[in-house]
C-alpha cells in the first residue's frame, strides 16, 4: 500500500496517473524543462489553455512539489515558475513521450509546416 497526501494507492502507476490526469500539467512541465518562465510566457506557448485553467494547473503543480513559484515584490508584480528537483526528474519520461508521439504522428498522421 502506498499513501500520498492521506490517500491510499495499491500501485505507483495510479499515483502517477492521478497527478498527471490532464494534458495541461504535462505541457507546463514540458516547457519548464527549457528553464524558468513567467506566467505570460507559459500562457503564450501552451496552445488553447485558458488563463483560469493555467492558473489552476500551476497552483496544483506547486502544491504537489513539482514546480516552484517565486513572486517578486515589484510593480507590476513578477512571478517566475521553475521545476523543483522532483519535477526535473520527469525529463527522461517526457522526452520518451515526445519521441513516441513523433513516431506516432509519422506513422498515423502527418507533419505540416505552419
PDB file of N, CA and C in Angstrom:
ATOM      1  N   UNK A   1       0.851  -1.184   0.000  1.00  0.00           N
ATOM      2  CA  UNK A   1       0.000   0.000   0.000  1.00  0.00           C
ATOM      3  C   UNK A   1       0.895   1.246   0.000  1.00  0.00           C
ATOM      4  N   UNK A   2       0.483   2.233  -0.756  1.00  0.00           N
ATOM      5  CA  UNK A   2       1.204   3.494  -0.844  1.00  0.00           C
ATOM      6  C   UNK A   2       0.274   4.598  -0.370  1.00  0.00           C
ATOM      7  N   UNK A   3       0.806   5.513   0.433  1.00  0.00           N
ATOM      8  CA  UNK A   3      -0.010   6.615   0.945  1.00  0.00           C
ATOM      9  C   UNK A   3       0.642   7.930   0.543  1.00  0.00           C
ATOM     10  N   UNK A   4      -0.125   8.764  -0.153  1.00  0.00           N
ATOM     11  CA  UNK A   4       0.324  10.088  -0.580  1.00  0.00           C
ATOM     12  C   UNK A   4      -0.796  11.067  -0.287  1.00  0.00           C
ATOM     13  N   UNK A   5      -0.474  12.122   0.461  1.00  0.00           N
ATOM     14  CA  UNK A   5      -1.466  13.142   0.827  1.00  0.00           C
ATOM     15  C   UNK A   5      -2.716  12.512   1.444  1.00  0.00           C
ATOM     16  N   UNK A   6      -2.490  11.595   2.360  1.00  0.00           N
ATOM     17  CA  UNK A   6      -3.561  10.906   3.096  1.00  0.00           C
ATOM     18  C   UNK A   6      -4.484  10.076   2.213  1.00  0.00           C
ATOM     19  N   UNK A   7      -4.041   9.725   1.024  1.00  0.00           N
ATOM     20  CA  UNK A   7      -4.829   8.884   0.138  1.00  0.00           C
ATOM     21  C   UNK A   7      -4.060   7.588  -0.116  1.00  0.00           C
ATOM     22  N   UNK A   8      -4.765   6.463  -0.088  1.00  0.00           N
ATOM     23  CA  UNK A   8      -4.131   5.166  -0.268  1.00  0.00           C
ATOM     24  C   UNK A   8      -4.179   4.718  -1.725  1.00  0.00           C
ATOM     25  N   UNK A   9      -3.081   4.113  -2.154  1.00  0.00           N
ATOM     26  CA  UNK A   9      -2.971   3.584  -3.512  1.00  0.00           C
ATOM     27  C   UNK A   9      -2.403   2.173  -3.433  1.00  0.00           C
ATOM     28  N   UNK A  10      -2.778   1.335  -4.376  1.00  0.00           N
ATOM     29  CA  UNK A  10      -2.229  -0.012  -4.421  1.00  0.00           C
ATOM     30  C   UNK A  10      -1.103  -0.130  -5.442  1.00  0.00           C
ATOM     31  N   UNK A  11      -0.931   0.884  -6.285  1.00  0.00           N
ATOM     32  CA  UNK A  11       0.078   0.817  -7.343  1.00  0.00           C
ATOM     33  C   UNK A  11       0.666   2.211  -7.600  1.00  0.00           C
ATOM     34  N   UNK A  12       1.993   2.333  -7.721  1.00  0.00           N
ATOM     35  CA  UNK A  12       2.598   3.629  -8.011  1.00  0.00           C
ATOM     36  C   UNK A  12       2.157   4.220  -9.357  1.00  0.00           C
ATOM     37  N   UNK A  13       1.768   3.377 -10.310  1.00  0.00           N
ATOM     38  CA  UNK A  13       1.281   3.896 -11.591  1.00  0.00           C
ATOM     39  C   UNK A  13       0.013   4.703 -11.368  1.00  0.00           C
ATOM     40  N   UNK A  14      -0.828   4.268 -10.459  1.00  0.00           N
ATOM     41  CA  UNK A  14      -2.053   5.009 -10.149  1.00  0.00           C
ATOM     42  C   UNK A  14      -1.719   6.371  -9.540  1.00  0.00           C
ATOM     43  N   UNK A  15      -0.692   6.420  -8.704  1.00  0.00           N
ATOM     44  CA  UNK A  15      -0.242   7.709  -8.142  1.00  0.00           C
ATOM     45  C   UNK A  15       0.139   8.635  -9.287  1.00  0.00           C
ATOM     46  N   UNK A  16       0.931   8.130 -10.213  1.00  0.00           N
ATOM     47  CA  UNK A  16       1.402   8.937 -11.340  1.00  0.00           C
ATOM     48  C   UNK A  16       0.250   9.403 -12.222  1.00  0.00           C
ATOM     49  N   UNK A  17      -0.650   8.504 -12.570  1.00  0.00           N
ATOM     50  CA  UNK A  17      -1.750   8.895 -13.457  1.00  0.00           C
ATOM     51  C   UNK A  17      -2.696   9.873 -12.776  1.00  0.00           C
ATOM     52  N   UNK A  18      -2.837   9.780 -11.474  1.00  0.00           N
ATOM     53  CA  UNK A  18      -3.693  10.746 -10.789  1.00  0.00           C
ATOM     54  C   UNK A  18      -3.068  12.138 -10.768  1.00  0.00           C
ATOM     55  N   UNK A  19      -1.759  12.210 -10.607  1.00  0.00           N
ATOM     56  CA  UNK A  19      -1.080  13.506 -10.617  1.00  0.00           C
ATOM     57  C   UNK A  19      -1.186  14.153 -11.995  1.00  0.00           C
ATOM     58  N   UNK A  20      -0.975  13.348 -13.039  1.00  0.00           N
ATOM     59  CA  UNK A  20      -0.966  13.880 -14.399  1.00  0.00           C
ATOM     60  C   UNK A  20      -2.240  13.477 -15.120  1.00  0.00           C
ATOM     61  N   UNK A  21      -3.355  13.839 -14.539  1.00  0.00           N
ATOM     62  CA  UNK A  21      -4.657  13.430 -15.052  1.00  0.00           C
ATOM     63  C   UNK A  21      -5.184  14.319 -16.172  1.00  0.00           C
ATOM     64  N   UNK A  22      -4.381  15.231 -16.655  1.00  0.00           N
ATOM     65  CA  UNK A  22      -4.794  16.070 -17.784  1.00  0.00           C
ATOM     66  C   UNK A  22      -3.573  16.528 -18.557  1.00  0.00           C
ATOM     67  N   UNK A  23      -3.784  16.982 -19.763  1.00  0.00           N
ATOM     68  CA  UNK A  23      -2.661  17.358 -20.612  1.00  0.00           C
ATOM     69  C   UNK A  23      -1.996  18.667 -20.190  1.00  0.00           C
ATOM     70  N   UNK A  24      -2.707  19.536 -19.528  1.00  0.00           N
ATOM     71  CA  UNK A  24      -2.134  20.848 -19.227  1.00  0.00           C
ATOM     72  C   UNK A  24      -0.943  20.755 -18.293  1.00  0.00           C
ATOM     73  N   UNK A  25      -1.006  19.882 -17.305  1.00  0.00           N
ATOM     74  CA  UNK A  25       0.113  19.752 -16.366  1.00  0.00           C
ATOM     75  C   UNK A  25       1.366  19.283 -17.097  1.00  0.00           C
ATOM     76  N   UNK A  26       1.213  18.322 -17.969  1.00  0.00           N
ATOM     77  CA  UNK A  26       2.373  17.829 -18.715  1.00  0.00           C
ATOM     78  C   UNK A  26       2.924  18.899 -19.647  1.00  0.00           C
ATOM     79  N   UNK A  27       2.051  19.696 -20.241  1.00  0.00           N
ATOM     80  CA  UNK A  27       2.504  20.792 -21.094  1.00  0.00           C
ATOM     81  C   UNK A  27       3.325  21.794 -20.290  1.00  0.00           C
ATOM     82  N   UNK A  28       2.852  22.171 -19.123  1.00  0.00           N
ATOM     83  CA  UNK A  28       3.574  23.115 -18.266  1.00  0.00           C
ATOM     84  C   UNK A  28       4.959  22.566 -17.947  1.00  0.00           C
ATOM     85  N   UNK A  29       5.013  21.322 -17.526  1.00  0.00           N
ATOM     86  CA  UNK A  29       6.293  20.717 -17.168  1.00  0.00           C
ATOM     87  C   UNK A  29       7.216  20.659 -18.381  1.00  0.00           C
ATOM     88  N   UNK A  30       6.679  20.282 -19.536  1.00  0.00           N
ATOM     89  CA  UNK A  30       7.486  20.198 -20.760  1.00  0.00           C
ATOM     90  C   UNK A  30       8.171  21.523 -21.052  1.00  0.00           C
ATOM     91  N   UNK A  31       7.426  22.611 -20.991  1.00  0.00           N
ATOM     92  CA  UNK A  31       8.013  23.912 -21.311  1.00  0.00           C
ATOM     93  C   UNK A  31       8.937  24.419 -20.214  1.00  0.00           C
ATOM     94  N   UNK A  32       8.706  24.018 -18.983  1.00  0.00           N
ATOM     95  CA  UNK A  32       9.608  24.417 -17.903  1.00  0.00           C
ATOM     96  C   UNK A  32      10.916  23.625 -17.931  1.00  0.00           C
ATOM     97  N   UNK A  33      10.950  22.515 -18.663  1.00  0.00           N
ATOM     98  CA  UNK A  33      12.215  21.797 -18.830  1.00  0.00           C
ATOM     99  C   UNK A  33      13.243  22.669 -19.546  1.00  0.00           C
ATOM    100  N   UNK A  34      12.773  23.631 -20.347  1.00  0.00           N
ATOM    101  CA  UNK A  34      13.671  24.558 -21.051  1.00  0.00           C
ATOM    102  C   UNK A  34      14.292  25.568 -20.089  1.00  0.00           C
ATOM    103  N   UNK A  35      13.656  25.791 -18.959  1.00  0.00           N
ATOM    104  CA  UNK A  35      14.128  26.777 -17.986  1.00  0.00           C
ATOM    105  C   UNK A  35      12.948  27.542 -17.412  1.00  0.00           C
ATOM    106  N   UNK A  36      13.245  28.410 -16.463  1.00  0.00           N
ATOM    107  CA  UNK A  36      12.171  29.144 -15.795  1.00  0.00           C
ATOM    108  C   UNK A  36      11.401  30.021 -16.775  1.00  0.00           C
ATOM    109  N   UNK A  37      10.132  30.228 -16.448  1.00  0.00           N
ATOM    110  CA  UNK A  37       9.249  31.020 -17.316  1.00  0.00           C
ATOM    111  C   UNK A  37       8.332  31.874 -16.456  1.00  0.00           C
ATOM    112  N   UNK A  38       7.944  33.001 -17.019  1.00  0.00           N
ATOM    113  CA  UNK A  38       6.917  33.822 -16.396  1.00  0.00           C
ATOM    114  C   UNK A  38       5.551  33.298 -16.832  1.00  0.00           C
ATOM    115  N   UNK A  39       4.526  33.700 -16.101  1.00  0.00           N
ATOM    116  CA  UNK A  39       3.153  33.256 -16.399  1.00  0.00           C
ATOM    117  C   UNK A  39       2.778  33.556 -17.848  1.00  0.00           C
ATOM    118  N   UNK A  40       3.050  34.782 -18.297  1.00  0.00           N
ATOM    119  CA  UNK A  40       2.652  35.166 -19.657  1.00  0.00           C
ATOM    120  C   UNK A  40       3.384  34.339 -20.713  1.00  0.00           C
ATOM    121  N   UNK A  41       4.633  33.976 -20.446  1.00  0.00           N
ATOM    122  CA  UNK A  41       5.363  33.127 -21.391  1.00  0.00           C
ATOM    123  C   UNK A  41       4.689  31.770 -21.520  1.00  0.00           C
ATOM    124  N   UNK A  42       4.323  31.179 -20.380  1.00  0.00           N
ATOM    125  CA  UNK A  42       3.637  29.888 -20.416  1.00  0.00           C
ATOM    126  C   UNK A  42       2.298  29.995 -21.133  1.00  0.00           C
ATOM    127  N   UNK A  43       1.560  31.046 -20.829  1.00  0.00           N
ATOM    128  CA  UNK A  43       0.252  31.234 -21.467  1.00  0.00           C
ATOM    129  C   UNK A  43       0.391  31.360 -22.980  1.00  0.00           C
ATOM    130  N   UNK A  44       1.418  32.069 -23.419  1.00  0.00           N
ATOM    131  CA  UNK A  44       1.610  32.283 -24.856  1.00  0.00           C
ATOM    132  C   UNK A  44       2.027  31.019 -25.604  1.00  0.00           C
ATOM    133  N   UNK A  45       2.754  30.112 -24.962  1.00  0.00           N
ATOM    134  CA  UNK A  45       3.259  28.944 -25.692  1.00  0.00           C
ATOM    135  C   UNK A  45       2.389  27.692 -25.546  1.00  0.00           C
ATOM    136  N   UNK A  46       1.505  27.666 -24.561  1.00  0.00           N
ATOM    137  CA  UNK A  46       0.646  26.491 -24.395  1.00  0.00           C
ATOM    138  C   UNK A  46      -0.637  26.720 -25.179  1.00  0.00           C
ATOM    139  N   UNK A  47      -0.840  25.903 -26.191  1.00  0.00           N
ATOM    140  CA  UNK A  47      -1.985  26.054 -27.098  1.00  0.00           C
ATOM    141  C   UNK A  47      -3.316  25.847 -26.392  1.00  0.00           C
ATOM    142  N   UNK A  48      -4.225  26.777 -26.607  1.00  0.00           N
ATOM    143  CA  UNK A  48      -5.634  26.663 -26.231  1.00  0.00           C
ATOM    144  C   UNK A  48      -5.925  26.576 -24.735  1.00  0.00           C
ATOM    145  N   UNK A  49      -4.972  26.859 -23.882  1.00  0.00           N
ATOM    146  CA  UNK A  49      -5.259  26.864 -22.452  1.00  0.00           C
ATOM    147  C   UNK A  49      -5.863  28.224 -22.085  1.00  0.00           C
ATOM    148  N   UNK A  50      -6.831  28.210 -21.182  1.00  0.00           N
ATOM    149  CA  UNK A  50      -7.389  29.470 -20.700  1.00  0.00           C
ATOM    150  C   UNK A  50      -6.561  29.953 -19.515  1.00  0.00           C
ATOM    151  N   UNK A  51      -6.649  31.228 -19.221  1.00  0.00           N
ATOM    152  CA  UNK A  51      -5.911  31.778 -18.079  1.00  0.00           C
ATOM    153  C   UNK A  51      -6.352  31.118 -16.780  1.00  0.00           C
ATOM    154  N   UNK A  52      -7.641  30.887 -16.649  1.00  0.00           N
ATOM    155  CA  UNK A  52      -8.170  30.254 -15.442  1.00  0.00           C
ATOM    156  C   UNK A  52      -7.604  28.842 -15.267  1.00  0.00           C
ATOM    157  N   UNK A  53      -7.582  28.081 -16.349  1.00  0.00           N
ATOM    158  CA  UNK A  53      -7.062  26.715 -16.290  1.00  0.00           C
ATOM    159  C   UNK A  53      -5.567  26.713 -16.003  1.00  0.00           C
ATOM    160  N   UNK A  54      -4.816  27.574 -16.677  1.00  0.00           N
ATOM    161  CA  UNK A  54      -3.372  27.626 -16.454  1.00  0.00           C
ATOM    162  C   UNK A  54      -3.073  27.979 -15.000  1.00  0.00           C
ATOM    163  N   UNK A  55      -3.775  28.953 -14.468  1.00  0.00           N
ATOM    164  CA  UNK A  55      -3.574  29.336 -13.065  1.00  0.00           C
ATOM    165  C   UNK A  55      -3.853  28.158 -12.136  1.00  0.00           C
ATOM    166  N   UNK A  56      -4.929  27.446 -12.388  1.00  0.00           N
ATOM    167  CA  UNK A  56      -5.288  26.298 -11.545  1.00  0.00           C
ATOM    168  C   UNK A  56      -4.226  25.207 -11.633  1.00  0.00           C
ATOM    169  N   UNK A  57      -3.739  24.913 -12.841  1.00  0.00           N
ATOM    170  CA  UNK A  57      -2.744  23.850 -13.010  1.00  0.00           C
ATOM    171  C   UNK A  57      -1.412  24.234 -12.384  1.00  0.00           C
ATOM    172  N   UNK A  58      -1.028  25.500 -12.492  1.00  0.00           N
ATOM    173  CA  UNK A  58       0.199  25.951 -11.849  1.00  0.00           C
ATOM    174  C   UNK A  58       0.096  25.801 -10.335  1.00  0.00           C
ATOM    175  N   UNK A  59      -1.036  26.152  -9.777  1.00  0.00           N
ATOM    176  CA  UNK A  59      -1.234  26.002  -8.324  1.00  0.00           C
ATOM    177  C   UNK A  59      -1.163  24.542  -7.911  1.00  0.00           C
ATOM    178  N   UNK A  60      -1.810  23.667  -8.696  1.00  0.00           N
ATOM    179  CA  UNK A  60      -1.790  22.239  -8.371  1.00  0.00           C
ATOM    180  C   UNK A  60      -0.369  21.681  -8.425  1.00  0.00           C
ATOM    181  N   UNK A  61       0.378  22.035  -9.450  1.00  0.00           N
ATOM    182  CA  UNK A  61       1.749  21.544  -9.580  1.00  0.00           C
ATOM    183  C   UNK A  61       2.652  22.077  -8.472  1.00  0.00           C
ATOM    184  N   UNK A  62       2.409  23.313  -8.065  1.00  0.00           N
ATOM    185  CA  UNK A  62       3.170  23.873  -6.945  1.00  0.00           C
ATOM    186  C   UNK A  62       2.825  23.141  -5.648  1.00  0.00           C
ATOM    187  N   UNK A  63       1.556  22.901  -5.449  1.00  0.00           N
ATOM    188  CA  UNK A  63       1.071  22.240  -4.234  1.00  0.00           C
ATOM    189  C   UNK A  63       1.648  20.839  -4.063  1.00  0.00           C
ATOM    190  N   UNK A  64       1.851  20.128  -5.159  1.00  0.00           N
ATOM    191  CA  UNK A  64       2.360  18.754  -5.060  1.00  0.00           C
ATOM    192  C   UNK A  64       3.879  18.672  -5.209  1.00  0.00           C
ATOM    193  N   UNK A  65       4.547  19.819  -5.266  1.00  0.00           N
ATOM    194  CA  UNK A  65       6.005  19.838  -5.234  1.00  0.00           C
ATOM    195  C   UNK A  65       6.706  19.613  -6.554  1.00  0.00           C
ATOM    196  N   UNK A  66       6.009  19.838  -7.673  1.00  0.00           N
ATOM    197  CA  UNK A  66       6.605  19.639  -9.000  1.00  0.00           C
ATOM    198  C   UNK A  66       7.221  20.942  -9.528  1.00  0.00           C
ATOM    199  N   UNK A  67       6.608  22.077  -9.210  1.00  0.00           N
ATOM    200  CA  UNK A  67       7.153  23.367  -9.652  1.00  0.00           C
ATOM    201  C   UNK A  67       7.322  24.314  -8.472  1.00  0.00           C
ATOM    202  N   UNK A  68       8.207  25.296  -8.687  1.00  0.00           N
ATOM    203  CA  UNK A  68       8.403  26.401  -7.742  1.00  0.00           C
ATOM    204  C   UNK A  68       7.727  27.634  -8.305  1.00  0.00           C
ATOM    205  N   UNK A  69       7.213  28.450  -7.415  1.00  0.00           N
ATOM    206  CA  UNK A  69       6.655  29.754  -7.791  1.00  0.00           C
ATOM    207  C   UNK A  69       7.390  30.800  -6.978  1.00  0.00           C
ATOM    208  N   UNK A  70       8.050  31.725  -7.664  1.00  0.00           N
ATOM    209  CA  UNK A  70       8.779  32.782  -6.979  1.00  0.00           C
ATOM    210  C   UNK A  70       8.173  34.121  -7.370  1.00  0.00           C
ATOM    211  N   UNK A  71       7.620  34.814  -6.377  1.00  0.00           N
ATOM    212  CA  UNK A  71       6.980  36.116  -6.618  1.00  0.00           C
ATOM    213  C   UNK A  71       7.922  37.220  -6.153  1.00  0.00           C
ATOM    214  N   UNK A  72       8.010  38.263  -6.959  1.00  0.00           N
ATOM    215  CA  UNK A  72       8.856  39.407  -6.641  1.00  0.00           C
ATOM    216  C   UNK A  72       7.969  40.602  -6.316  1.00  0.00           C
ATOM    217  N   UNK A  73       8.323  41.319  -5.273  1.00  0.00           N
ATOM    218  CA  UNK A  73       7.551  42.485  -4.837  1.00  0.00           C
ATOM    219  C   UNK A  73       7.919  43.677  -5.722  1.00  0.00           C
ATOM    220  N   UNK A  74       7.339  43.696  -6.906  1.00  0.00           N
ATOM    221  CA  UNK A  74       7.581  44.759  -7.875  1.00  0.00           C
ATOM    222  C   UNK A  74       6.251  45.232  -8.426  1.00  0.00           C
ATOM    223  N   UNK A  75       6.297  46.376  -9.085  1.00  0.00           N
ATOM    224  CA  UNK A  75       5.122  46.873  -9.778  1.00  0.00           C
ATOM    225  C   UNK A  75       5.490  47.034 -11.236  1.00  0.00           C
ATOM    226  N   UNK A  76       4.842  46.310 -12.142  1.00  0.00           N
ATOM    227  CA  UNK A  76       3.835  45.282 -11.901  1.00  0.00           C
ATOM    228  C   UNK A  76       4.471  44.034 -11.281  1.00  0.00           C
ATOM    229  N   UNK A  77       3.650  43.219 -10.624  1.00  0.00           N
ATOM    230  CA  UNK A  77       4.191  42.027  -9.982  1.00  0.00           C
ATOM    231  C   UNK A  77       4.829  41.092 -11.005  1.00  0.00           C
ATOM    232  N   UNK A  78       5.900  40.440 -10.587  1.00  0.00           N
ATOM    233  CA  UNK A  78       6.595  39.489 -11.457  1.00  0.00           C
ATOM    234  C   UNK A  78       6.639  38.145 -10.744  1.00  0.00           C
ATOM    235  N   UNK A  79       6.242  37.100 -11.456  1.00  0.00           N
ATOM    236  CA  UNK A  79       6.244  35.746 -10.901  1.00  0.00           C
ATOM    237  C   UNK A  79       6.986  34.843 -11.879  1.00  0.00           C
ATOM    238  N   UNK A  80       7.897  34.053 -11.335  1.00  0.00           N
ATOM    239  CA  UNK A  80       8.695  33.122 -12.133  1.00  0.00           C
ATOM    240  C   UNK A  80       8.365  31.701 -11.694  1.00  0.00           C
ATOM    241  N   UNK A  81       8.162  30.830 -12.668  1.00  0.00           N
ATOM    242  CA  UNK A  81       7.914  29.420 -12.392  1.00  0.00           C
ATOM    243  C   UNK A  81       9.105  28.603 -12.877  1.00  0.00           C
ATOM    244  N   UNK A  82       9.452  27.588 -12.098  1.00  0.00           N
ATOM    245  CA  UNK A  82      10.541  26.691 -12.463  1.00  0.00           C
ATOM    246  C   UNK A  82      10.238  25.308 -11.894  1.00  0.00           C
ATOM    247  N   UNK A  83      10.972  24.324 -12.364  1.00  0.00           N
ATOM    248  CA  UNK A  83      10.790  22.967 -11.850  1.00  0.00           C
ATOM    249  C   UNK A  83      11.570  22.779 -10.555  1.00  0.00           C
ATOM    250  N   UNK A  84      11.003  22.022  -9.657  1.00  0.00           N
ATOM    251  CA  UNK A  84      11.729  21.584  -8.470  1.00  0.00           C
ATOM    252  C   UNK A  84      12.648  20.437  -8.913  1.00  0.00           C
ATOM    253  N   UNK A  85      13.578  20.011  -8.065  1.00  0.00           N
ATOM    254  CA  UNK A  85      14.378  18.831  -8.426  1.00  0.00           C
ATOM    255  C   UNK A  85      13.497  17.610  -8.731  1.00  0.00           C
ATOM    256  N   UNK A  86      12.415  17.450  -7.996  1.00  0.00           N
ATOM    257  CA  UNK A  86      11.491  16.345  -8.254  1.00  0.00           C
ATOM    258  C   UNK A  86      10.848  16.486  -9.638  1.00  0.00           C
ATOM    259  N   UNK A  87      10.466  17.699  -9.985  1.00  0.00           N
ATOM    260  CA  UNK A  87       9.886  17.950 -11.305  1.00  0.00           C
ATOM    261  C   UNK A  87      10.885  17.721 -12.418  1.00  0.00           C
ATOM    262  N   UNK A  88      12.141  18.094 -12.187  1.00  0.00           N
ATOM    263  CA  UNK A  88      13.181  17.906 -13.208  1.00  0.00           C
ATOM    264  C   UNK A  88      13.438  16.427 -13.481  1.00  0.00           C
ATOM    265  N   UNK A  89      13.128  15.564 -12.522  1.00  0.00           N
ATOM    266  CA  UNK A  89      13.298  14.126 -12.723  1.00  0.00           C
ATOM    267  C   UNK A  89      12.345  13.575 -13.791  1.00  0.00           C
ATOM    268  N   UNK A  90      11.365  14.364 -14.194  1.00  0.00           N
ATOM    269  CA  UNK A  90      10.421  13.932 -15.227  1.00  0.00           C
ATOM    270  C   UNK A  90      10.985  14.067 -16.642  1.00  0.00           C
ATOM    271  N   UNK A  91      12.151  14.697 -16.780  1.00  0.00           N
ATOM    272  CA  UNK A  91      12.734  14.925 -18.113  1.00  0.00           C
ATOM    273  C   UNK A  91      12.817  13.651 -18.958  1.00  0.00           C
ATOM    274  N   UNK A  92      13.427  12.564 -18.471  1.00  0.00           N
ATOM    275  CA  UNK A  92      13.529  11.376 -19.336  1.00  0.00           C
ATOM    276  C   UNK A  92      12.163  10.828 -19.759  1.00  0.00           C
ATOM    277  N   UNK A  93      11.212  10.852 -18.855  1.00  0.00           N
ATOM    278  CA  UNK A  93       9.869  10.363 -19.171  1.00  0.00           C
ATOM    279  C   UNK A  93       9.223  11.210 -20.270  1.00  0.00           C
ATOM    280  N   UNK A  94       9.291  12.525 -20.129  1.00  0.00           N
ATOM    281  CA  UNK A  94       8.669  13.407 -21.121  1.00  0.00           C
ATOM    282  C   UNK A  94       9.409  13.359 -22.456  1.00  0.00           C
ATOM    283  N   UNK A  95      10.728  13.202 -22.424  1.00  0.00           N
ATOM    284  CA  UNK A  95      11.460  13.085 -23.682  1.00  0.00           C
ATOM    285  C   UNK A  95      11.064  11.812 -24.423  1.00  0.00           C
ATOM    286  N   UNK A  96      10.847  10.725 -23.699  1.00  0.00           N
ATOM    287  CA  UNK A  96      10.388   9.487 -24.335  1.00  0.00           C
ATOM    288  C   UNK A  96       8.963   9.642 -24.869  1.00  0.00           C
ATOM    289  N   UNK A  97       8.113  10.360 -24.132  1.00  0.00           N
ATOM    290  CA  UNK A  97       6.754  10.621 -24.618  1.00  0.00           C
ATOM    291  C   UNK A  97       6.802  11.450 -25.899  1.00  0.00           C
ATOM    292  N   UNK A  98       7.710  12.426 -25.946  1.00  0.00           N
ATOM    293  CA  UNK A  98       7.887  13.252 -27.141  1.00  0.00           C
ATOM    294  C   UNK A  98       8.286  12.376 -28.335  1.00  0.00           C
ATOM    295  N   UNK A  99       9.287  11.514 -28.126  1.00  0.00           N
ATOM    296  CA  UNK A  99       9.755  10.637 -29.208  1.00  0.00           C
ATOM    297  C   UNK A  99       8.637   9.713 -29.687  1.00  0.00           C
ATOM    298  N   UNK A 100       7.915   9.140 -28.749  1.00  0.00           N
ATOM    299  CA  UNK A 100       6.834   8.233 -29.130  1.00  0.00           C
ATOM    300  C   UNK A 100       5.745   8.993 -29.895  1.00  0.00           C
ATOM    301  N   UNK A 101       5.401  10.181 -29.419  1.00  0.00           N
ATOM    302  CA  UNK A 101       4.388  10.990 -30.094  1.00  0.00           C
ATOM    303  C   UNK A 101       4.796  11.339 -31.513  1.00  0.00           C
ATOM    304  N   UNK A 102       6.065  11.658 -31.713  1.00  0.00           N
ATOM    305  CA  UNK A 102       6.567  11.968 -33.047  1.00  0.00           C
ATOM    306  C   UNK A 102       6.506  10.733 -33.952  1.00  0.00           C
ATOM    307  N   UNK A 103       6.889   9.588 -33.424  1.00  0.00           N
ATOM    308  CA  UNK A 103       6.790   8.338 -34.187  1.00  0.00           C
ATOM    309  C   UNK A 103       5.344   8.050 -34.567  1.00  0.00           C
ATOM    310  N   UNK A 104       4.444   8.260 -33.624  1.00  0.00           N
ATOM    311  CA  UNK A 104       3.024   8.014 -33.883  1.00  0.00           C
ATOM    312  C   UNK A 104       2.508   8.927 -34.993  1.00  0.00           C
ATOM    313  N   UNK A 105       2.861  10.204 -34.915  1.00  0.00           N
ATOM    314  CA  UNK A 105       2.429  11.150 -35.956  1.00  0.00           C
ATOM    315  C   UNK A 105       2.949  10.710 -37.317  1.00  0.00           C
ATOM    316  N   UNK A 106       4.204  10.293 -37.371  1.00  0.00           N
ATOM    317  CA  UNK A 106       4.789   9.874 -38.653  1.00  0.00           C
ATOM    318  C   UNK A 106       4.093   8.646 -39.217  1.00  0.00           C
ATOM    319  N   UNK A 107       3.641   7.743 -38.360  1.00  0.00           N
ATOM    320  CA  UNK A 107       3.003   6.513 -38.822  1.00  0.00           C
ATOM    321  C   UNK A 107       1.497   6.657 -39.032  1.00  0.00           C
ATOM    322  N   UNK A 108       0.862   7.506 -38.246  1.00  0.00           N
ATOM    323  CA  UNK A 108      -0.598   7.586 -38.276  1.00  0.00           C
ATOM    324  C   UNK A 108      -1.142   8.936 -38.751  1.00  0.00           C
ATOM    325  N   UNK A 109      -0.279   9.898 -38.954  1.00  0.00           N
ATOM    326  CA  UNK A 109      -0.746  11.234 -39.330  1.00  0.00           C
ATOM    327  C   UNK A 109       0.224  11.873 -40.290  1.00  0.00           C
ATOM    328  N   UNK A 110       0.441  13.154 -40.124  1.00  0.00           N
ATOM    329  CA  UNK A 110       1.396  13.863 -40.966  1.00  0.00           C
ATOM    330  C   UNK A 110       1.871  15.106 -40.234  1.00  0.00           C
ATOM    331  N   UNK A 111       3.023  15.613 -40.662  1.00  0.00           N
ATOM    332  CA  UNK A 111       3.606  16.822 -40.113  1.00  0.00           C
ATOM    333  C   UNK A 111       3.419  17.913 -41.154  1.00  0.00           C
ATOM    334  N   UNK A 112       2.903  19.056 -40.733  1.00  0.00           N
ATOM    335  CA  UNK A 112       2.702  20.173 -41.660  1.00  0.00           C
ATOM    336  C   UNK A 112       3.617  21.322 -41.288  1.00  0.00           C
ATOM    337  N   UNK A 113       3.879  22.170 -42.238  1.00  0.00           N
ATOM    338  CA  UNK A 113       4.652  23.391 -41.987  1.00  0.00           C
ATOM    339  C   UNK A 113       3.680  24.517 -41.715  1.00  0.00           C
ATOM    340  N   UNK A 114       3.841  25.200 -40.595  1.00  0.00           N
ATOM    341  CA  UNK A 114       2.959  26.334 -40.271  1.00  0.00           C
ATOM    342  C   UNK A 114       3.561  27.635 -40.690  1.00  0.00           C
TER     343      UNK A 114
END
